[in-house]
Amino acid sequence: MLGPLLISIFLLVVLPISFFAIGAIISVILGHSLRKEGEYLNEGSELIELNT
């Protein structure tokens, strides 16, 4: 009886929390890299000052 209880707790609690955490980490990494790439590709542009 302990096995199915542990599996259901894992499926209902641990997996959703880990999916949210992994998604947040991927979002931070992707956002940072895209911002850095945008700054690098548009270096010297007069529109950069309007974004801040």
C-alpha atoms as a PDB file:
ATOM      1  CA  MET A   1       0.000   0.000   0.000  1.00  0.00           C
ATOM      2  CA  LEU A   2       2.955   2.314   0.531  1.00  0.00           C
ATOM      3  CA  GLY A   3       4.192   2.041  -3.076  1.00  0.00           C
ATOM      4  CA  PRO A   4       1.050   3.394  -4.795  1.00  0.00           C
ATOM      5  CA  LEU A   5       0.811   6.167  -2.200  1.00  0.00           C
ATOM      6  CA  LEU A   6       4.395   7.269  -2.857  1.00  0.00           C
ATOM      7  CA  ILE A   7       3.874   7.138  -6.624  1.00  0.00           C
ATOM      8  CA  SER A   8       0.714   9.245  -6.421  1.00  0.00           C
ATOM      9  CA  ILE A   9       2.416  11.821  -4.168  1.00  0.00           C
ATOM     10  CA  PHE A  10       5.322  11.963  -6.603  1.00  0.00           C
ATOM     11  CA  LEU A  11       2.993  12.447  -9.578  1.00  0.00           C
ATOM     12  CA  LEU A  12       0.810  15.061  -7.897  1.00  0.00           C
ATOM     13  CA  VAL A  13       3.395  17.072  -5.955  1.00  0.00           C
ATOM     14  CA  VAL A  14       6.979  16.558  -7.065  1.00  0.00           C
ATOM     15  CA  LEU A  15       6.552  16.485 -10.852  1.00  0.00           C
ATOM     16  CA  PRO A  16       4.524  19.711 -11.216  1.00  0.00           C
ATOM     17  CA  ILE A  17       6.882  21.625  -8.929  1.00  0.00           C
ATOM     18  CA  SER A  18       9.929  20.363 -10.807  1.00  0.00           C
ATOM     19  CA  PHE A  19       8.345  21.250 -14.172  1.00  0.00           C
ATOM     20  CA  PHE A  20       7.709  24.806 -12.977  1.00  0.00           C
ATOM     21  CA  ALA A  21      11.245  25.129 -11.620  1.00  0.00           C
ATOM     22  CA  ILE A  22      12.846  23.765 -14.789  1.00  0.00           C
ATOM     23  CA  GLY A  23      10.668  26.052 -16.918  1.00  0.00           C
ATOM     24  CA  ALA A  24      11.670  29.068 -14.850  1.00  0.00           C
ATOM     25  CA  ILE A  25      15.363  28.227 -15.166  1.00  0.00           C
ATOM     26  CA  ILE A  26      15.075  27.755 -18.939  1.00  0.00           C
ATOM     27  CA  SER A  27      13.174  31.049 -19.242  1.00  0.00           C
ATOM     28  CA  VAL A  28      15.843  32.950 -17.332  1.00  0.00           C
ATOM     29  CA  ILE A  29      18.665  31.478 -19.419  1.00  0.00           C
ATOM     30  CA  LEU A  30      16.852  32.056 -22.716  1.00  0.00           C
ATOM     31  CA  GLY A  31      15.823  35.598 -21.819  1.00  0.00           C
ATOM     32  CA  HIS A  32      19.326  36.539 -20.725  1.00  0.00           C
ATOM     33  CA  SER A  33      20.956  35.091 -23.839  1.00  0.00           C
ATOM     34  CA  LEU A  34      18.442  36.749 -26.179  1.00  0.00           C
ATOM     35  CA  ARG A  35      18.930  40.125 -24.469  1.00  0.00           C
ATOM     36  CA  LYS A  36      22.712  39.837 -24.743  1.00  0.00           C
ATOM     37  CA  GLU A  37      22.459  38.804 -28.408  1.00  0.00           C
ATOM     38  CA  GLY A  38      20.150  41.722 -29.165  1.00  0.00           C
ATOM     39  CA  GLU A  39      22.530  44.178 -27.519  1.00  0.00           C
ATOM     40  CA  TYR A  40      25.473  42.694 -29.412  1.00  0.00           C
ATOM     41  CA  LEU A  41      23.775  42.700 -32.834  1.00  0.00           C
ATOM     42  CA  ASN A  42      22.441  46.251 -32.461  1.00  0.00           C
ATOM     43  CA  GLU A  43      25.522  47.817 -30.938  1.00  0.00           C
ATOM     44  CA  GLY A  44      25.855  51.466 -31.968  1.00  0.00           C
ATOM     45  CA  SER A  45      22.219  51.804 -32.986  1.00  0.00           C
ATOM     46  CA  GLU A  46      20.468  55.021 -31.998  1.00  0.00           C
ATOM     47  CA  LEU A  47      17.351  53.046 -31.046  1.00  0.00           C
ATOM     48  CA  ILE A  48      19.099  51.392 -28.082  1.00  0.00           C
ATOM     49  CA  GLU A  49      18.755  54.598 -26.049  1.00  0.00           C
ATOM     50  CA  LEU A  50      14.990  54.604 -26.560  1.00  0.00           C
ATOM     51  CA  ASN A  51      14.654  51.101 -25.055  1.00  0.00           C
ATOM     52  CA  THR A  52      16.004  51.931 -21.616  1.00  0.00           C
END
